[in-house]
Amino acid sequence: MPAKATINKLFLIDGIGAIITALLLSQVLARYESVFGMPASLLYILAGVAACFAVYSLTCYWRIKEGGAPFLTGIAVANTLYCIATLGIVAYRFDTLTWLGVAYFIGEVLVVMSLVSVELGAARKA
């Protein structure tokens, strides 16, 4: 598959994933704070960041026709920083998190970092 098509698909995957994350954080985890153990106020902040990433990635998907590698690298770096921040929040709030909360955030970080790996590989090849 040509690098341009791969990069474009990765922007779409990233954007849809960010929407799913924002919805899960704001509409599920925040409503069931006692089940997951993370304060809603922190979940809304993480959801807001994810929503911004969705706007960025989907805008890149729709607007960038060529030369998207630097933009893909940008979202990969942003995703990495999001994961570092998430792990920091998990460590800070670990005493209040339930096993479901820990499992959710570890799972999210694993999925996002897997995507980051693919994004950086595609950006390098372009």
N, C-alpha and C. Protein backbone atom coordinates (compact mmCIF):
# COMPACT_ATOMS: atom_id res chain seq x y z
N MET A 1 0.85 -1.18 0.00
CA MET A 1 0.00 0.00 0.00
C MET A 1 0.90 1.24 0.00
N PRO A 2 0.60 2.24 -0.82
CA PRO A 2 1.41 3.46 -0.86
C PRO A 2 1.42 4.16 0.50
N ALA A 3 2.54 4.82 0.79
CA ALA A 3 2.70 5.48 2.08
C ALA A 3 1.60 6.51 2.34
N LYS A 4 1.19 7.24 1.28
CA LYS A 4 0.16 8.26 1.43
C LYS A 4 -1.16 7.65 1.92
N ALA A 5 -1.54 6.51 1.34
CA ALA A 5 -2.78 5.84 1.74
C ALA A 5 -2.68 5.32 3.16
N THR A 6 -1.51 4.78 3.52
CA THR A 6 -1.30 4.27 4.87
C THR A 6 -1.40 5.40 5.88
N ILE A 7 -0.73 6.50 5.61
CA ILE A 7 -0.76 7.64 6.52
C ILE A 7 -2.19 8.15 6.67
N ASN A 8 -2.91 8.25 5.57
CA ASN A 8 -4.29 8.73 5.62
C ASN A 8 -5.15 7.80 6.47
N LYS A 9 -5.00 6.50 6.29
CA LYS A 9 -5.78 5.54 7.09
C LYS A 9 -5.42 5.62 8.57
N LEU A 10 -4.16 5.85 8.86
CA LEU A 10 -3.75 5.97 10.26
C LEU A 10 -4.36 7.21 10.92
N PHE A 11 -4.48 8.31 10.17
CA PHE A 11 -5.17 9.48 10.73
C PHE A 11 -6.63 9.13 11.05
N LEU A 12 -7.28 8.39 10.16
CA LEU A 12 -8.67 8.00 10.40
C LEU A 12 -8.78 7.08 11.62
N ILE A 13 -7.92 6.09 11.69
CA ILE A 13 -7.92 5.16 12.84
C ILE A 13 -7.66 5.92 14.13
N ASP A 14 -6.69 6.81 14.11
CA ASP A 14 -6.36 7.60 15.29
C ASP A 14 -7.54 8.47 15.71
N GLY A 15 -8.17 9.12 14.74
CA GLY A 15 -9.30 9.99 15.05
C GLY A 15 -10.48 9.23 15.62
N ILE A 16 -10.81 8.11 15.03
CA ILE A 16 -11.93 7.30 15.54
C ILE A 16 -11.60 6.77 16.93
N GLY A 17 -10.36 6.32 17.11
CA GLY A 17 -9.95 5.83 18.42
C GLY A 17 -10.02 6.91 19.48
N ALA A 18 -9.64 8.13 19.12
CA ALA A 18 -9.71 9.24 20.07
C ALA A 18 -11.16 9.58 20.43
N ILE A 19 -12.06 9.49 19.46
CA ILE A 19 -13.48 9.71 19.75
C ILE A 19 -13.98 8.65 20.72
N ILE A 20 -13.63 7.40 20.46
CA ILE A 20 -14.06 6.30 21.34
C ILE A 20 -13.51 6.53 22.75
N THR A 21 -12.25 6.90 22.85
CA THR A 21 -11.65 7.17 24.16
C THR A 21 -12.38 8.30 24.88
N ALA A 22 -12.62 9.40 24.16
CA ALA A 22 -13.31 10.54 24.78
C ALA A 22 -14.70 10.14 25.27
N LEU A 23 -15.41 9.36 24.48
CA LEU A 23 -16.75 8.92 24.88
C LEU A 23 -16.70 7.96 26.07
N LEU A 24 -15.78 7.02 26.04
CA LEU A 24 -15.67 6.09 27.17
C LEU A 24 -15.34 6.83 28.46
N LEU A 25 -14.37 7.73 28.39
CA LEU A 25 -13.96 8.46 29.58
C LEU A 25 -15.08 9.35 30.12
N SER A 26 -15.73 10.09 29.23
CA SER A 26 -16.73 11.07 29.69
C SER A 26 -18.11 10.47 29.93
N GLN A 27 -18.46 9.42 29.20
CA GLN A 27 -19.82 8.90 29.31
C GLN A 27 -19.94 7.60 30.09
N VAL A 28 -18.85 6.88 30.23
CA VAL A 28 -18.90 5.61 30.97
C VAL A 28 -18.13 5.73 32.28
N LEU A 29 -16.82 5.94 32.19
CA LEU A 29 -16.01 5.96 33.41
C LEU A 29 -16.43 7.08 34.36
N ALA A 30 -16.73 8.26 33.83
CA ALA A 30 -17.12 9.38 34.70
C ALA A 30 -18.46 9.12 35.39
N ARG A 31 -19.36 8.42 34.73
CA ARG A 31 -20.67 8.13 35.32
C ARG A 31 -20.59 7.02 36.37
N TYR A 32 -19.58 6.19 36.25
CA TYR A 32 -19.42 5.07 37.18
C TYR A 32 -18.11 5.20 37.93
N GLU A 33 -17.92 6.37 38.51
CA GLU A 33 -16.69 6.68 39.24
C GLU A 33 -16.41 5.64 40.32
N SER A 34 -17.44 5.18 41.01
CA SER A 34 -17.23 4.21 42.08
C SER A 34 -16.78 2.85 41.56
N VAL A 35 -17.12 2.53 40.33
CA VAL A 35 -16.73 1.25 39.74
C VAL A 35 -15.27 1.28 39.29
N PHE A 36 -14.81 2.43 38.79
CA PHE A 36 -13.46 2.53 38.25
C PHE A 36 -12.48 3.23 39.21
N GLY A 37 -13.00 4.11 40.04
CA GLY A 37 -12.17 4.74 41.06
C GLY A 37 -11.43 6.00 40.65
N MET A 38 -11.62 6.45 39.45
CA MET A 38 -10.95 7.68 38.99
C MET A 38 -11.94 8.84 39.10
N PRO A 39 -11.53 9.94 39.72
CA PRO A 39 -12.43 11.08 39.85
C PRO A 39 -12.90 11.60 38.49
N ALA A 40 -14.17 11.94 38.41
CA ALA A 40 -14.75 12.42 37.16
C ALA A 40 -14.02 13.65 36.64
N SER A 41 -13.57 14.51 37.53
CA SER A 41 -12.89 15.73 37.08
C SER A 41 -11.64 15.40 36.25
N LEU A 42 -10.89 14.40 36.65
CA LEU A 42 -9.71 14.00 35.87
C LEU A 42 -10.12 13.31 34.58
N LEU A 43 -11.18 12.53 34.64
CA LEU A 43 -11.66 11.84 33.43
C LEU A 43 -12.12 12.83 32.38
N TYR A 44 -12.76 13.90 32.80
CA TYR A 44 -13.21 14.92 31.83
C TYR A 44 -12.02 15.63 31.19
N ILE A 45 -10.95 15.84 31.94
CA ILE A 45 -9.75 16.45 31.36
C ILE A 45 -9.15 15.53 30.31
N LEU A 46 -8.99 14.24 30.66
CA LEU A 46 -8.45 13.28 29.70
C LEU A 46 -9.36 13.16 28.47
N ALA A 47 -10.68 13.20 28.69
CA ALA A 47 -11.62 13.12 27.57
C ALA A 47 -11.49 14.36 26.67
N GLY A 48 -11.28 15.52 27.26
CA GLY A 48 -11.10 16.74 26.48
C GLY A 48 -9.85 16.69 25.62
N VAL A 49 -8.78 16.15 26.18
CA VAL A 49 -7.54 15.99 25.42
C VAL A 49 -7.78 15.03 24.26
N ALA A 50 -8.44 13.91 24.55
CA ALA A 50 -8.73 12.92 23.49
C ALA A 50 -9.60 13.54 22.40
N ALA A 51 -10.55 14.37 22.78
CA ALA A 51 -11.41 15.03 21.78
C ALA A 51 -10.59 15.98 20.90
N CYS A 52 -9.64 16.68 21.49
CA CYS A 52 -8.76 17.56 20.70
C CYS A 52 -7.92 16.73 19.73
N PHE A 53 -7.43 15.59 20.18
CA PHE A 53 -6.66 14.71 19.30
C PHE A 53 -7.52 14.20 18.15
N ALA A 54 -8.80 13.93 18.45
CA ALA A 54 -9.71 13.46 17.41
C ALA A 54 -9.89 14.53 16.34
N VAL A 55 -10.07 15.76 16.77
CA VAL A 55 -10.23 16.87 15.82
C VAL A 55 -8.97 16.99 14.96
N TYR A 56 -7.81 16.93 15.57
CA TYR A 56 -6.55 17.04 14.83
C TYR A 56 -6.43 15.91 13.80
N SER A 57 -6.59 14.67 14.26
CA SER A 57 -6.40 13.52 13.36
C SER A 57 -7.41 13.50 12.23
N LEU A 58 -8.67 13.79 12.55
CA LEU A 58 -9.69 13.77 11.50
C LEU A 58 -9.52 14.94 10.53
N THR A 59 -9.06 16.07 11.03
CA THR A 59 -8.76 17.19 10.14
C THR A 59 -7.63 16.81 9.19
N CYS A 60 -6.60 16.17 9.72
CA CYS A 60 -5.50 15.71 8.87
C CYS A 60 -6.01 14.69 7.85
N TYR A 61 -6.88 13.80 8.27
CA TYR A 61 -7.44 12.79 7.37
C TYR A 61 -8.16 13.46 6.20
N TRP A 62 -8.94 14.48 6.48
CA TRP A 62 -9.73 15.13 5.44
C TRP A 62 -8.94 16.13 4.60
N ARG A 63 -7.93 16.78 5.20
CA ARG A 63 -7.29 17.91 4.53
C ARG A 63 -5.93 17.61 3.92
N ILE A 64 -5.17 16.72 4.51
CA ILE A 64 -3.79 16.51 4.04
C ILE A 64 -3.79 15.46 2.94
N LYS A 65 -3.34 15.87 1.78
CA LYS A 65 -3.30 14.97 0.63
C LYS A 65 -1.89 14.43 0.39
N GLU A 66 -0.88 15.23 0.71
CA GLU A 66 0.50 14.80 0.53
C GLU A 66 1.35 15.40 1.64
N GLY A 67 2.46 14.71 1.94
CA GLY A 67 3.38 15.22 2.95
C GLY A 67 2.85 15.13 4.36
N GLY A 68 2.09 14.08 4.66
CA GLY A 68 1.47 13.95 5.97
C GLY A 68 2.36 13.38 7.06
N ALA A 69 3.56 12.92 6.70
CA ALA A 69 4.43 12.26 7.68
C ALA A 69 4.73 13.14 8.90
N PRO A 70 5.06 14.43 8.73
CA PRO A 70 5.33 15.24 9.93
C PRO A 70 4.10 15.38 10.84
N PHE A 71 2.93 15.44 10.24
CA PHE A 71 1.70 15.56 11.03
C PHE A 71 1.40 14.25 11.76
N LEU A 72 1.70 13.14 11.11
CA LEU A 72 1.52 11.83 11.75
C LEU A 72 2.51 11.68 12.91
N THR A 73 3.73 12.12 12.70
CA THR A 73 4.71 12.10 13.79
C THR A 73 4.22 12.97 14.94
N GLY A 74 3.62 14.10 14.61
CA GLY A 74 3.09 15.01 15.64
C GLY A 74 2.05 14.35 16.51
N ILE A 75 1.09 13.65 15.90
CA ILE A 75 0.06 13.00 16.71
C ILE A 75 0.63 11.81 17.46
N ALA A 76 1.64 11.15 16.90
CA ALA A 76 2.28 10.04 17.61
C ALA A 76 2.97 10.55 18.88
N VAL A 77 3.64 11.68 18.77
CA VAL A 77 4.29 12.27 19.95
C VAL A 77 3.23 12.71 20.96
N ALA A 78 2.16 13.33 20.49
CA ALA A 78 1.08 13.76 21.38
C ALA A 78 0.45 12.56 22.09
N ASN A 79 0.23 11.47 21.35
CA ASN A 79 -0.32 10.26 21.95
C ASN A 79 0.62 9.69 23.01
N THR A 80 1.91 9.74 22.75
CA THR A 80 2.88 9.25 23.72
C THR A 80 2.83 10.09 25.00
N LEU A 81 2.76 11.41 24.84
CA LEU A 81 2.66 12.28 26.01
C LEU A 81 1.36 12.04 26.77
N TYR A 82 0.28 11.78 26.04
CA TYR A 82 -1.00 11.45 26.68
C TYR A 82 -0.86 10.18 27.52
N CYS A 83 -0.17 9.19 26.99
CA CYS A 83 0.01 7.93 27.72
C CYS A 83 0.87 8.14 28.96
N ILE A 84 1.91 8.95 28.84
CA ILE A 84 2.76 9.24 30.00
C ILE A 84 1.94 9.95 31.07
N ALA A 85 1.15 10.94 30.66
CA ALA A 85 0.29 11.66 31.61
C ALA A 85 -0.72 10.72 32.25
N THR A 86 -1.31 9.84 31.45
CA THR A 86 -2.29 8.88 31.97
C THR A 86 -1.64 7.97 33.01
N LEU A 87 -0.46 7.46 32.70
CA LEU A 87 0.23 6.60 33.66
C LEU A 87 0.60 7.36 34.93
N GLY A 88 0.95 8.63 34.78
CA GLY A 88 1.23 9.46 35.96
C GLY A 88 0.00 9.64 36.83
N ILE A 89 -1.13 9.89 36.19
CA ILE A 89 -2.39 10.04 36.94
C ILE A 89 -2.76 8.73 37.61
N VAL A 90 -2.59 7.62 36.90
CA VAL A 90 -2.88 6.30 37.49
C VAL A 90 -1.99 6.06 38.71
N ALA A 91 -0.71 6.39 38.60
CA ALA A 91 0.20 6.21 39.73
C ALA A 91 -0.21 7.10 40.91
N TYR A 92 -0.58 8.34 40.60
CA TYR A 92 -0.98 9.29 41.64
C TYR A 92 -2.27 8.87 42.33
N ARG A 93 -3.22 8.34 41.56
CA ARG A 93 -4.53 7.97 42.09
C ARG A 93 -4.66 6.46 42.34
N PHE A 94 -3.56 5.75 42.34
CA PHE A 94 -3.59 4.29 42.43
C PHE A 94 -4.36 3.80 43.65
N ASP A 95 -4.28 4.51 44.76
CA ASP A 95 -4.95 4.07 45.98
C ASP A 95 -6.47 4.14 45.87
N THR A 96 -7.01 4.92 44.94
CA THR A 96 -8.46 5.01 44.80
C THR A 96 -8.99 4.18 43.62
N LEU A 97 -8.09 3.75 42.74
CA LEU A 97 -8.53 2.99 41.57
C LEU A 97 -8.92 1.56 41.94
N THR A 98 -9.93 1.07 41.27
CA THR A 98 -10.31 -0.33 41.42
C THR A 98 -9.52 -1.14 40.39
N TRP A 99 -9.62 -2.44 40.46
CA TRP A 99 -8.92 -3.27 39.47
C TRP A 99 -9.46 -3.00 38.06
N LEU A 100 -10.75 -2.68 37.95
CA LEU A 100 -11.31 -2.33 36.65
C LEU A 100 -10.71 -1.03 36.11
N GLY A 101 -10.51 -0.08 37.00
CA GLY A 101 -9.91 1.19 36.60
C GLY A 101 -8.48 0.99 36.12
N VAL A 102 -7.71 0.23 36.87
CA VAL A 102 -6.32 -0.05 36.47
C VAL A 102 -6.31 -0.79 35.14
N ALA A 103 -7.17 -1.79 35.01
CA ALA A 103 -7.22 -2.58 33.77
C ALA A 103 -7.58 -1.69 32.58
N TYR A 104 -8.55 -0.79 32.74
CA TYR A 104 -8.94 0.09 31.65
C TYR A 104 -7.76 0.93 31.20
N PHE A 105 -7.10 1.60 32.15
CA PHE A 105 -6.04 2.53 31.77
C PHE A 105 -4.81 1.82 31.23
N ILE A 106 -4.46 0.68 31.79
CA ILE A 106 -3.34 -0.09 31.24
C ILE A 106 -3.68 -0.56 29.82
N GLY A 107 -4.90 -1.03 29.63
CA GLY A 107 -5.34 -1.45 28.29
C GLY A 107 -5.31 -0.30 27.30
N GLU A 108 -5.79 0.85 27.73
CA GLU A 108 -5.79 2.02 26.85
C GLU A 108 -4.36 2.40 26.45
N VAL A 109 -3.46 2.42 27.40
CA VAL A 109 -2.08 2.78 27.11
C VAL A 109 -1.45 1.76 26.15
N LEU A 110 -1.73 0.49 26.35
CA LEU A 110 -1.18 -0.54 25.45
C LEU A 110 -1.69 -0.36 24.02
N VAL A 111 -2.98 -0.09 23.88
CA VAL A 111 -3.56 0.11 22.55
C VAL A 111 -2.98 1.36 21.89
N VAL A 112 -2.94 2.45 22.64
CA VAL A 112 -2.46 3.72 22.06
C VAL A 112 -0.97 3.61 21.70
N MET A 113 -0.18 2.99 22.56
CA MET A 113 1.24 2.87 22.25
C MET A 113 1.50 1.92 21.08
N SER A 114 0.64 0.95 20.90
CA SER A 114 0.74 0.09 19.71
C SER A 114 0.49 0.91 18.45
N LEU A 115 -0.53 1.77 18.50
CA LEU A 115 -0.82 2.66 17.38
C LEU A 115 0.34 3.62 17.13
N VAL A 116 0.92 4.15 18.19
CA VAL A 116 2.07 5.05 18.07
C VAL A 116 3.21 4.36 17.32
N SER A 117 3.46 3.13 17.66
CA SER A 117 4.52 2.37 17.00
C SER A 117 4.27 2.26 15.50
N VAL A 118 3.03 1.96 15.13
CA VAL A 118 2.68 1.85 13.71
C VAL A 118 2.77 3.22 13.04
N GLU A 119 2.31 4.25 13.71
CA GLU A 119 2.36 5.61 13.14
C GLU A 119 3.79 6.05 12.88
N LEU A 120 4.66 5.83 13.84
CA LEU A 120 6.06 6.25 13.66
C LEU A 120 6.74 5.45 12.55
N GLY A 121 6.41 4.17 12.45
CA GLY A 121 6.96 3.35 11.37
C GLY A 121 6.50 3.85 10.01
N ALA A 122 5.22 4.18 9.88
CA ALA A 122 4.69 4.68 8.62
C ALA A 122 5.28 6.05 8.27
N ALA A 123 5.46 6.90 9.28
CA ALA A 123 6.02 8.22 9.03
C ALA A 123 7.48 8.11 8.57
N ARG A 124 8.23 7.17 9.13
CA ARG A 124 9.62 6.97 8.72
C ARG A 124 9.73 6.48 7.28
N LYS A 125 8.78 5.64 6.87
CA LYS A 125 8.81 5.07 5.52
C LYS A 125 8.40 6.07 4.45
N ALA A 126 7.65 7.09 4.87
CA ALA A 126 7.11 8.05 3.89
C ALA A 126 8.17 9.00 3.37
